[in-house]
Structure formats: C-alpha cells, structure tokens
Amino acid sequence: MAILGTINPLLTVGWNGDAGWRLQEYVQRGGYKALRRIIEEKIPAAQVIDEVKKSGLRGRGGAGFPTGLKWSFMPKGEGEKYIVCNTDEGEPGTFKDRDILRNNPHAVIEGMVIAGYAVGAARGYNYIHGEIWDLYKRFEEALDEARAAGFVGKNILGSGFDFELNAHHGYGAYVCGEESALLESIEGKKGQPRFKPPFPAAVGLYNKPTTINNTETFSAVPFVLNMGADAYLAIGKQNNAGTKLFSVSGHVNRPGNYEIPLGTPFAALLELAGGVRGGRKLKAVIPGGSSAPVLPAEIIMDCTLDYDAISKAGSMLGSGAVIVMDETTCMVRALERLSYFYHEESCGQCTPCREGTRWLYEIVHRIEHGKGRPGDVDLLRGLTTNIMGRTICALGDAASMPVQGFLKHYRDEFEYHIEHGKCLVPPEVQRAGSTFFKATV
C-alpha cells in the first residue's frame, strides 16, 4: 500500500519507493542531521532523553507510552545494553511500518542510533515481520549504506561512540509482536511471552537492559530533534503530539497509509481515503487494528483520532489501523473472521487464551452458520471476562475486546442469527459489498 495523502507531513516527505529510500536522498532531506549534531556538539545523553520527553512523542506501536520516559527507565552507567525495534507488524489491518521500511529505512536507522546514544547501548536489532522478506532485504541494503558512510558501526563519525545494528528476520508469528516474545525469538527460542516483572529495561535481550520501540516511533525521533520539542508539541493536540500514520482499509475508495496530525477528525481521514466505497452508508469502524473494539458510525464520526478521544469513545487508537465497514457488512461474519485469527495465533502457553480463543471462535462460527443457541451471546461475554487479565501477554485481551465491542453495539444481529438462522443484513445487500475481511485479516 502506498501513501495516498497527508496533512502536515513529516515522516512521509520525499517518499518514493523506487529511489527516495536511498541514503543520498535521505541526507538531502536533512537525514542524519540530528545524529551528526548530537555527536559533533557532544550533547549529553540525558539532554537527548529530556528533549524526547518534552516533545510528548508517544509510542506508535499501540500502547502509546511516552517514548522519552521509556528511555529514562534504562539504568545509567556502563554495561551491556540493547536497542530493539519492533517491526513485527502482524496486527490485521496494519501496514504502516512496512511502508516506512520501503520508503524511509534510514529514518529508522538514525532513530535507533540516537536511542543507543541516549541510553548507552552499543548494539541494536530490528525485528522484521517474517512475511515481508523484500523489505528485510531493503533494510539490509540501507544498513550497508549507513555503515559505509560512518553512521553505524565502530567510532561513528569519529566520535568514539560505537553502535552496531542488525536486522533479525521473524517467521510470521503474531505473538512475536509482544515485546518479550520478540526477545525470546531473537535469542533463538520459541516466541512465547515472558512473565513481567522484570521488564525489559531491567532484564531484556540476553538478560541485559533493553529498550524496545516501534518502527514508526524510531523514525519520528530524528524529526523531533531536528524541529525541536516545542515545534513538535505544536502539531496535534494536548497529550497527543505530532503526526501519525494511519492504515486505512476495508470499504473505502482509496485504501492506503495516511499521515495526519493526532487529533484530526475521523471524517477528515475518511475524506482523504475517498469516502465509503460505492457511495454507501458507513456502518462501523475498527479504529486501532483488529484487537480494538468496533465503533458504530454515529460514534466514530464525532471522534478525533487521538489516544484520549478514541479511549473515551470506548475503543483504542492502537496501531492506527482503521478498518472501515459499510452497510453491507454482516457483523457476525466479520467477528467470525477476527475470532478465527486469534484462535490460530494463540501461542498456547496460557490455558485461558489457548482454550478460550478456540471457544470464542467455535461459538461465533456456529452462530454465523445458523446453529446458534439461546444464551450464546451471554456465553460469549462470560468467556471474554474469564480470559481478559488472566494471561501472560495481551493476546487473550486482544481476542476478547473485539467480541465485547461487536456484542455491545450489534447484539441485535447476533440474536437475529440465533433466532432465525440467517443474517439480519439481507443476502442481496451483502452481495453488493464484499467479504473484505478475508483479504484484510
């Protein structure tokens, strides 16, 4: 998917998948200027962290945790430490990070090197999703360019600062997007989450202090430092600074990635994406990737796209993956597809998730296929309550929250399926749309 539109672009300036990703073009756009200034002016590491803190940059991977604050958790002083970039982009509906690697890999590299300088780490890894091999190779090419130019490796720019960076290829497991499972995978183990605490800042990769951020987060760091924290804060809204990439898919005329300031009205993003396909009526939107609770049109159309507003509306901004559904969508069928994904992707380590995701899928599956039973809706809600908060990682929650959201807003469709053995949305209306979830999820 390409970048199709922007408002106040930062990350996407000069993006050209065929040539703009090269080192020469990145430097011409001001690339590595922030790293060079930090090194040449010998800016203290603590000052770099303070500037990132002041900017209000929040993690772009889903949780929205303040980036500078996370960096400050790393222990001070010498010792083996690591920087890890999470490019294991497996959340259905999310495809922004792969476009960053396609169009601007040097921004990720520069951001990771700066992070290494700030926390005192000498090595980093970019964990790249297993199903985007072409972009893994592109990132490796960009790394070779950066090493040859002296931006990565030993004695960076003659400063005495060392930072070696490598790419690590995953194998497509959704659970490896969870930071501790990702670390296990880098270490050559089965990708399963660890108990917390301890947290990675204390005991991370190879049991050493580790800072983990998302691809988009690292790519934003050079822009934050070049323009200054105050200027970055001025973009977006309070507690939601800067721009963000939103992956828009589903029933829109122009699916793709869009960079807009946080706090932009959803209606503006929908307009950028060409509106609802075929001129049909908007029915619902999943605003933050498949694990975020769905919001009906009447709620989302009054929302701005930022962490606080979406949370207040009853969902999550998450990864910024916006899945649009029009009036032809059968909500039972949509949830069946989502539930199947989480059932398949559970690593099986925790019983509530391993067994619970299977039960969720089986119940929704029988409802969709005309075999629903009285009480199934309440049974689904009870199952989600018994899964959430009872697993090592958040995959159980990720499987449960969509179920809760669909039942909260579209319970009538599920009950109609159970009572009549068919969908509330007429077959001819469904045929007018598409089963986009089969391609999206």
Protein backbone atom coordinates (compact mmCIF):
# COMPACT_ATOMS: atom_id res chain seq x y z
CA MET A 1 0.00 0.00 0.00
CA ALA A 2 1.25 3.46 -0.83
CA ILE A 3 0.97 6.75 0.98
CA LEU A 4 -2.05 8.36 -0.65
CA GLY A 5 -2.47 11.56 1.30
CA THR A 6 -1.06 13.63 4.13
CA ILE A 7 -1.85 16.58 6.39
CA ASN A 8 1.25 18.32 7.81
CA PRO A 9 3.59 15.56 6.59
CA LEU A 10 6.83 14.81 8.44
CA LEU A 11 7.66 11.14 8.05
CA THR A 12 6.37 10.90 4.50
CA VAL A 13 8.11 13.87 2.89
CA GLY A 14 10.00 12.74 -0.21
CA TRP A 15 8.75 9.18 -0.10
CA ASN A 16 9.38 7.42 -3.37
CA GLY A 17 9.58 3.63 -3.14
CA ASP A 18 11.85 3.32 -6.16
CA ALA A 19 14.57 5.81 -5.22
CA GLY A 20 13.72 8.05 -2.28
CA TRP A 21 14.76 5.47 0.31
CA ARG A 22 18.45 5.65 -0.60
CA LEU A 23 21.00 7.32 1.70
CA GLN A 24 21.74 10.16 -0.72
CA GLU A 25 18.09 11.19 -0.96
CA TYR A 26 17.61 10.88 2.81
CA VAL A 27 20.62 13.12 3.50
CA GLN A 28 19.32 15.68 1.01
CA ARG A 29 16.08 15.81 3.01
CA GLY A 30 18.05 16.51 6.21
CA GLY A 31 18.68 12.92 7.17
CA TYR A 32 21.34 12.15 9.81
CA LYS A 33 21.45 15.85 10.65
CA ALA A 34 20.17 15.18 14.17
CA LEU A 35 22.68 12.39 14.79
CA ARG A 36 25.54 14.46 13.42
CA ARG A 37 24.62 17.44 15.61
CA ILE A 38 24.37 15.29 18.74
CA ILE A 39 27.79 13.80 18.14
CA GLU A 40 29.63 16.89 16.90
CA GLU A 41 28.27 19.08 19.70
CA LYS A 42 28.74 16.30 22.28
CA ILE A 43 25.20 16.79 23.55
CA PRO A 44 24.79 14.86 26.83
CA ALA A 45 22.68 11.71 26.62
CA ALA A 46 20.39 12.97 29.38
CA GLN A 47 19.66 16.10 27.34
CA VAL A 48 18.63 13.99 24.35
CA ILE A 49 16.23 12.00 26.52
CA ASP A 50 14.82 15.17 28.05
CA GLU A 51 14.14 16.63 24.60
CA VAL A 52 12.28 13.48 23.53
CA LYS A 53 10.33 13.59 26.79
CA LYS A 54 9.45 17.24 26.29
CA SER A 55 8.23 16.59 22.74
CA GLY A 56 5.41 14.38 24.00
CA LEU A 57 6.25 11.66 21.46
CA ARG A 58 4.23 8.58 22.37
CA GLY A 59 4.91 5.05 21.20
CA ARG A 60 3.32 4.42 17.81
CA GLY A 61 3.04 0.65 18.14
CA GLY A 62 -0.24 0.57 20.02
CA ALA A 63 0.15 1.30 23.73
CA GLY A 64 1.02 4.98 23.29
CA PHE A 65 3.54 5.00 26.16
CA PRO A 66 5.72 8.17 26.33
CA THR A 67 8.94 7.43 24.45
CA GLY A 68 11.33 9.62 26.42
CA LEU A 69 10.02 8.23 29.69
CA LYS A 70 10.64 4.68 28.47
CA TRP A 71 14.22 5.61 27.53
CA SER A 72 14.77 7.06 31.00
CA PHE A 73 13.99 3.70 32.61
CA MET A 74 17.28 2.28 31.33
CA PRO A 75 19.99 2.02 34.02
CA LYS A 76 22.69 4.68 33.91
CA GLY A 77 26.38 3.96 33.54
CA GLU A 78 28.34 1.45 31.52
CA GLY A 79 27.35 -2.12 30.84
CA GLU A 80 25.84 -4.17 28.03
CA LYS A 81 22.54 -2.72 26.83
CA TYR A 82 20.39 -3.15 23.74
CA ILE A 83 18.05 -1.19 21.48
CA VAL A 84 15.35 -3.23 19.73
CA CYS A 85 12.96 -2.07 17.02
CA ASN A 86 9.65 -3.91 16.77
CA THR A 87 8.79 -4.26 13.08
CA ASP A 88 6.82 -7.45 13.66
CA GLU A 89 3.76 -5.88 12.13
CA GLY A 90 1.19 -8.65 12.49
CA GLU A 91 -1.93 -6.81 13.66
CA PRO A 92 -4.63 -7.31 10.99
CA GLY A 93 -5.35 -4.08 9.19
CA THR A 94 -1.91 -2.61 9.99
CA PHE A 95 0.57 -1.97 7.18
CA LYS A 96 2.31 1.32 8.03
CA ASP A 97 5.66 0.01 9.32
CA ARG A 98 6.37 -1.92 6.15
CA ASP A 99 5.83 1.29 4.17
CA ILE A 100 8.34 3.05 6.43
CA LEU A 101 10.93 0.37 5.64
CA ARG A 102 10.02 0.58 1.97
CA ASN A 103 10.26 4.36 1.70
CA ASN A 104 12.36 5.67 4.60
CA PRO A 105 14.52 2.96 6.25
CA HIS A 106 17.29 5.43 7.11
CA ALA A 107 14.94 7.33 9.44
CA VAL A 108 14.53 4.12 11.45
CA ILE A 109 18.29 3.57 11.48
CA GLU A 110 19.02 7.12 12.58
CA GLY A 111 16.37 6.94 15.30
CA MET A 112 17.80 3.68 16.64
CA VAL A 113 21.37 5.01 16.68
CA ILE A 114 20.22 8.13 18.53
CA ALA A 115 18.38 5.93 21.03
CA GLY A 116 21.55 3.88 21.51
CA TYR A 117 23.50 7.06 22.21
CA ALA A 118 20.84 8.28 24.65
CA VAL A 119 20.65 5.11 26.77
CA GLY A 120 24.27 3.99 26.41
CA ALA A 121 23.64 0.92 24.24
CA ALA A 122 26.20 -0.32 21.74
CA ARG A 123 24.05 -2.76 19.76
CA GLY A 124 20.59 -2.86 18.28
CA TYR A 125 18.30 -5.22 16.39
CA ASN A 126 15.39 -4.53 14.07
CA TYR A 127 13.00 -7.49 14.32
CA ILE A 128 11.20 -7.58 10.95
CA HIS A 129 7.99 -9.50 10.28
CA GLY A 130 8.57 -12.81 8.55
CA GLU A 131 6.26 -12.18 5.62
CA ILE A 132 7.91 -9.04 4.23
CA TRP A 133 11.20 -10.52 3.04
CA ASP A 134 11.65 -7.91 0.31
CA LEU A 135 11.66 -5.14 2.92
CA TYR A 136 14.04 -7.07 5.13
CA LYS A 137 16.47 -7.04 2.19
CA ARG A 138 15.87 -3.34 1.61
CA PHE A 139 16.62 -2.57 5.26
CA GLU A 140 19.84 -4.57 4.98
CA GLU A 141 20.83 -2.50 1.93
CA ALA A 142 20.12 0.70 3.83
CA LEU A 143 22.25 -0.58 6.73
CA ASP A 144 25.14 -1.22 4.35
CA GLU A 145 24.85 2.36 3.09
CA ALA A 146 24.79 3.74 6.63
CA ARG A 147 27.83 1.69 7.68
CA ALA A 148 29.80 2.80 4.64
CA ALA A 149 29.00 6.43 5.44
CA GLY A 150 30.07 6.07 9.07
CA PHE A 151 26.61 6.40 10.66
CA VAL A 152 26.59 2.84 12.02
CA GLY A 153 29.36 0.68 13.46
CA LYS A 154 32.60 1.49 15.24
CA ASN A 155 33.66 5.05 16.03
CA ILE A 156 30.61 6.72 14.47
CA LEU A 157 31.63 9.97 12.75
CA GLY A 158 34.98 9.78 14.55
CA SER A 159 33.33 10.31 17.93
CA GLY A 160 34.40 7.15 19.73
CA PHE A 161 30.73 6.14 20.02
CA ASP A 162 30.06 2.60 18.77
CA PHE A 163 26.67 1.28 17.74
CA GLU A 164 26.27 -1.86 15.67
CA LEU A 165 22.85 -2.55 14.16
CA ASN A 166 21.48 -5.74 12.62
CA ALA A 167 18.19 -6.89 11.16
CA HIS A 168 16.56 -10.04 12.53
CA HIS A 169 14.03 -11.86 10.41
CA GLY A 170 10.95 -13.23 12.17
CA TYR A 171 8.73 -16.05 10.94
CA GLY A 172 5.29 -14.51 10.90
CA ALA A 173 4.02 -15.32 14.41
CA TYR A 174 1.57 -12.67 15.60
CA VAL A 175 2.54 -13.21 19.25
CA CYS A 176 6.11 -12.08 18.49
CA GLY A 177 4.75 -8.57 18.25
CA GLU A 178 4.59 -8.76 22.05
CA GLU A 179 7.93 -7.39 23.20
CA SER A 180 9.07 -10.23 25.44
CA ALA A 181 8.08 -12.90 22.89
CA LEU A 182 10.04 -10.90 20.33
CA LEU A 183 13.12 -11.00 22.60
CA GLU A 184 12.74 -14.75 23.03
CA SER A 185 12.64 -15.15 19.25
CA ILE A 186 15.79 -13.06 18.73
CA GLU A 187 17.53 -15.31 21.25
CA GLY A 188 16.62 -18.33 19.13
CA LYS A 189 13.89 -19.63 21.40
CA LYS A 190 10.22 -20.32 20.80
CA GLY A 191 8.43 -16.98 20.55
CA GLN A 192 6.40 -17.01 23.75
CA PRO A 193 5.86 -14.11 26.17
CA ARG A 194 7.74 -13.82 29.46
CA PHE A 195 6.28 -13.09 32.84
CA LYS A 196 6.57 -9.44 33.92
CA PRO A 197 8.16 -8.12 36.02
CA PRO A 198 11.04 -7.95 35.38
CA PHE A 199 10.52 -5.59 32.47
CA PRO A 200 12.90 -5.32 29.50
CA ALA A 201 14.50 -2.10 30.79
CA ALA A 202 15.90 -4.20 33.63
CA VAL A 203 16.09 -7.71 32.14
CA GLY A 204 15.63 -7.77 28.39
CA LEU A 205 17.57 -9.24 25.49
CA TYR A 206 20.10 -11.80 26.74
CA ASN A 207 19.05 -10.72 30.25
CA LYS A 208 20.51 -7.25 29.69
CA PRO A 209 18.73 -3.87 29.90
CA THR A 210 16.80 -3.28 26.68
CA THR A 211 14.70 -0.50 25.20
CA ILE A 212 12.06 -1.59 22.68
CA ASN A 213 10.14 0.82 20.46
CA ASN A 214 8.03 0.54 17.35
CA THR A 215 9.30 1.30 13.84
CA GLU A 216 7.25 4.47 13.48
CA THR A 217 8.42 5.68 16.89
CA PHE A 218 12.10 5.39 15.99
CA SER A 219 11.52 7.01 12.59
CA ALA A 220 9.93 10.03 14.30
CA VAL A 221 12.89 10.67 16.63
CA PRO A 222 15.12 12.49 14.06
CA PHE A 223 12.23 14.79 13.14
CA VAL A 224 11.53 15.56 16.79
CA LEU A 225 15.17 16.53 17.42
CA ASN A 226 15.56 18.49 14.18
CA MET A 227 12.46 20.63 14.64
CA GLY A 228 12.67 20.82 18.43
CA ALA A 229 10.31 19.59 21.11
CA ASP A 230 8.20 22.77 21.19
CA ALA A 231 7.54 22.71 17.45
CA TYR A 232 6.63 19.02 17.58
CA LEU A 233 4.29 19.65 20.51
CA ALA A 234 2.55 22.33 18.46
CA ILE A 235 1.43 19.64 15.99
CA GLY A 236 -1.56 17.62 17.09
CA LYS A 237 -3.29 18.28 20.40
CA GLN A 238 -2.54 18.19 24.11
CA ASN A 239 -1.14 14.83 25.23
CA ASN A 240 -1.21 13.72 21.59
CA ALA A 241 1.70 15.47 19.90
CA GLY A 242 2.92 15.09 16.36
CA THR A 243 1.69 13.26 13.30
CA LYS A 244 0.79 9.60 12.98
CA LEU A 245 0.47 7.14 10.13
CA PHE A 246 -2.98 5.59 9.79
CA SER A 247 -3.51 2.43 7.72
CA VAL A 248 -6.97 2.64 6.18
CA SER A 249 -8.55 -0.49 4.69
CA GLY A 250 -11.95 -2.01 4.08
CA HIS A 251 -14.83 -0.31 2.31
CA VAL A 252 -13.10 2.89 1.17
CA ASN A 253 -12.29 4.13 -2.30
CA ARG A 254 -8.57 4.67 -1.68
CA PRO A 255 -7.17 2.24 0.92
CA GLY A 256 -3.61 3.04 1.99
CA ASN A 257 -1.47 4.85 4.55
CA TYR A 258 -2.18 8.44 5.53
CA GLU A 259 -0.06 10.72 7.71
CA ILE A 260 -2.12 13.20 9.71
CA PRO A 261 -1.72 15.12 13.00
CA LEU A 262 -3.10 13.37 16.05
CA GLY A 263 -6.42 14.98 16.90
CA THR A 264 -7.59 15.16 13.27
CA PRO A 265 -11.33 14.41 12.95
CA PHE A 266 -12.10 10.93 11.67
CA ALA A 267 -14.27 12.48 8.99
CA ALA A 268 -11.19 14.20 7.52
CA LEU A 269 -9.31 10.89 7.29
CA LEU A 270 -12.30 9.22 5.68
CA GLU A 271 -12.39 12.02 3.11
CA LEU A 272 -8.67 11.56 2.39
CA ALA A 273 -9.38 7.88 1.76
CA GLY A 274 -12.01 8.80 -0.81
CA GLY A 275 -15.05 8.18 1.37
CA VAL A 276 -17.05 4.99 1.70
CA ARG A 277 -16.83 2.88 -1.42
CA GLY A 278 -19.75 2.97 -3.83
CA GLY A 279 -21.35 5.89 -2.01
CA ARG A 280 -22.78 3.51 0.56
CA LYS A 281 -23.57 4.30 4.17
CA LEU A 282 -20.87 3.93 6.81
CA LYS A 283 -21.82 1.25 9.35
CA ALA A 284 -18.84 0.77 11.66
CA VAL A 285 -15.12 1.33 12.07
CA ILE A 286 -12.41 -0.54 13.94
CA PRO A 287 -10.09 2.40 14.76
CA GLY A 288 -6.88 0.79 16.00
CA GLY A 289 -6.28 -2.63 14.47
CA SER A 290 -8.33 -5.79 14.78
CA SER A 291 -7.94 -6.04 18.56
CA ALA A 292 -9.61 -2.66 19.15
CA PRO A 293 -13.34 -2.65 19.92
CA VAL A 294 -15.51 -1.65 16.97
CA LEU A 295 -17.31 1.72 16.99
CA PRO A 296 -20.59 2.44 15.16
CA ALA A 297 -20.68 5.20 12.55
CA GLU A 298 -22.64 7.58 14.78
CA ILE A 299 -19.88 7.45 17.40
CA ILE A 300 -16.74 7.45 15.23
CA MET A 301 -17.95 10.31 13.03
CA ASP A 302 -17.90 12.58 16.08
CA CYS A 303 -14.41 11.46 17.16
CA THR A 304 -10.98 12.89 16.65
CA LEU A 305 -8.15 10.44 16.00
CA ASP A 306 -6.05 10.54 19.15
CA TYR A 307 -5.43 8.27 22.12
CA ASP A 308 -7.70 10.10 24.52
CA ALA A 309 -10.72 10.68 22.28
CA ILE A 310 -10.85 7.12 20.98
CA SER A 311 -10.45 5.75 24.50
CA LYS A 312 -13.30 7.96 25.71
CA ALA A 313 -15.44 6.62 22.85
CA GLY A 314 -14.87 3.07 24.09
CA SER A 315 -12.08 1.79 21.88
CA MET A 316 -8.32 2.21 21.32
CA LEU A 317 -6.19 4.12 18.82
CA GLY A 318 -3.79 1.16 18.91
CA SER A 319 -1.59 0.82 15.86
CA GLY A 320 -3.67 3.30 13.88
CA ALA A 321 -5.16 0.62 11.63
CA VAL A 322 -8.59 1.91 10.58
CA ILE A 323 -10.87 -0.81 9.19
CA VAL A 324 -13.97 0.67 7.57
CA MET A 325 -17.21 -1.31 7.21
CA ASP A 326 -20.21 -0.17 5.20
CA GLU A 327 -23.89 -1.11 5.46
CA THR A 328 -23.38 -4.38 3.53
CA THR A 329 -21.27 -5.89 6.33
CA CYS A 330 -22.59 -8.80 8.36
CA MET A 331 -21.13 -8.16 11.80
CA VAL A 332 -21.38 -11.81 12.81
CA ARG A 333 -19.35 -12.86 9.79
CA ALA A 334 -16.79 -10.13 10.47
CA LEU A 335 -16.36 -11.24 14.08
CA GLU A 336 -16.12 -14.88 13.00
CA ARG A 337 -13.12 -13.99 10.84
CA LEU A 338 -11.45 -11.98 13.58
CA SER A 339 -12.02 -14.71 16.17
CA TYR A 340 -10.54 -17.30 13.86
CA PHE A 341 -7.36 -15.23 13.53
CA TYR A 342 -6.78 -15.02 17.29
CA HIS A 343 -7.60 -18.70 17.75
CA GLU A 344 -4.95 -19.56 15.15
CA GLU A 345 -2.34 -17.14 16.52
CA SER A 346 -2.53 -18.03 20.22
CA CYS A 347 0.86 -19.45 21.22
CA GLY A 348 -0.83 -21.87 23.61
CA GLN A 349 1.23 -21.00 26.65
CA CYS A 350 -1.71 -19.80 28.79
CA THR A 351 -4.76 -22.02 29.25
CA PRO A 352 -7.35 -19.17 29.27
CA CYS A 353 -6.05 -17.97 25.89
CA ARG A 354 -5.34 -21.37 24.34
CA GLU A 355 -8.78 -22.78 25.21
CA GLY A 356 -10.72 -19.54 25.37
CA THR A 357 -9.86 -18.31 21.87
CA ARG A 358 -10.94 -21.67 20.47
CA TRP A 359 -14.28 -21.48 22.30
CA LEU A 360 -14.86 -17.90 21.15
CA TYR A 361 -14.31 -18.88 17.53
CA GLU A 362 -16.42 -22.04 17.74
CA ILE A 363 -19.38 -20.20 19.27
CA VAL A 364 -19.29 -17.34 16.76
CA HIS A 365 -18.80 -19.86 13.95
CA ARG A 366 -21.93 -21.80 14.86
CA ILE A 367 -23.93 -18.57 15.20
CA GLU A 368 -22.82 -17.49 11.73
CA HIS A 369 -23.75 -20.88 10.25
CA GLY A 370 -27.28 -20.97 11.63
CA LYS A 371 -26.58 -23.23 14.61
CA GLY A 372 -26.58 -20.64 17.37
CA ARG A 373 -28.15 -21.48 20.70
CA PRO A 374 -30.16 -19.35 23.12
CA GLY A 375 -27.74 -17.92 25.63
CA ASP A 376 -24.75 -17.91 23.24
CA VAL A 377 -24.42 -14.13 23.41
CA ASP A 378 -24.18 -14.16 27.18
CA LEU A 379 -21.84 -17.15 27.00
CA LEU A 380 -19.51 -15.17 24.73
CA ARG A 381 -19.50 -12.23 27.11
CA GLY A 382 -18.75 -14.50 30.06
CA LEU A 383 -15.89 -16.15 28.21
CA THR A 384 -14.24 -12.82 27.43
CA THR A 385 -14.47 -11.84 31.11
CA ASN A 386 -12.71 -15.05 32.10
CA ILE A 387 -9.95 -14.61 29.50
CA MET A 388 -9.08 -10.94 29.97
CA GLY A 389 -6.42 -10.20 32.55
CA ARG A 390 -5.64 -13.87 33.09
CA THR A 391 -2.85 -14.38 30.56
CA ILE A 392 0.86 -13.60 30.49
CA CYS A 393 0.56 -11.28 27.50
CA ALA A 394 -2.29 -9.28 25.99
CA LEU A 395 -3.25 -11.72 23.22
CA GLY A 396 -6.14 -13.01 25.31
CA ASP A 397 -7.34 -9.44 25.76
CA ALA A 398 -6.82 -8.79 22.03
CA ALA A 399 -9.10 -11.73 21.21
CA SER A 400 -11.73 -10.70 23.76
CA MET A 401 -12.07 -6.97 23.12
CA PRO A 402 -13.42 -7.33 19.56
CA VAL A 403 -16.05 -9.76 20.83
CA GLN A 404 -17.11 -7.35 23.55
CA GLY A 405 -17.26 -4.44 21.10
CA PHE A 406 -19.32 -6.31 18.50
CA LEU A 407 -21.77 -7.58 21.11
CA LYS A 408 -22.09 -4.17 22.76
CA HIS A 409 -23.09 -2.36 19.59
CA TYR A 410 -24.53 -5.11 17.35
CA ARG A 411 -26.11 -7.60 19.73
CA ASP A 412 -29.32 -7.48 17.68
CA GLU A 413 -27.54 -9.01 14.68
CA PHE A 414 -26.20 -11.89 16.76
CA GLU A 415 -29.59 -12.56 18.34
CA TYR A 416 -31.26 -12.44 14.92
CA HIS A 417 -28.77 -15.01 13.65
CA ILE A 418 -29.54 -17.27 16.61
CA GLU A 419 -33.33 -16.92 16.37
CA HIS A 420 -33.71 -17.09 12.57
CA GLY A 421 -30.60 -18.98 11.46
CA LYS A 422 -29.71 -16.25 8.99
CA CYS A 423 -28.30 -12.73 8.82
CA LEU A 424 -30.19 -9.55 9.61
CA VAL A 425 -28.46 -7.96 6.61
CA PRO A 426 -30.31 -9.26 3.50
CA PRO A 427 -28.24 -11.51 1.17
CA GLU A 428 -28.68 -9.16 -1.78
CA VAL A 429 -27.25 -6.29 0.28
CA GLN A 430 -24.27 -8.40 1.36
CA ARG A 431 -23.61 -9.41 -2.24
CA ALA A 432 -23.46 -5.72 -3.14
CA GLY A 433 -20.49 -5.36 -0.80
CA SER A 434 -17.59 -7.73 -0.31
CA THR A 435 -16.06 -10.09 2.21
CA PHE A 436 -13.05 -7.80 2.62
CA PHE A 437 -12.11 -9.42 5.92
CA LYS A 438 -10.80 -12.42 4.02
CA ALA A 439 -8.18 -10.14 2.49
CA THR A 440 -7.68 -7.81 5.45
CA VAL A 441 -7.24 -10.35 8.24
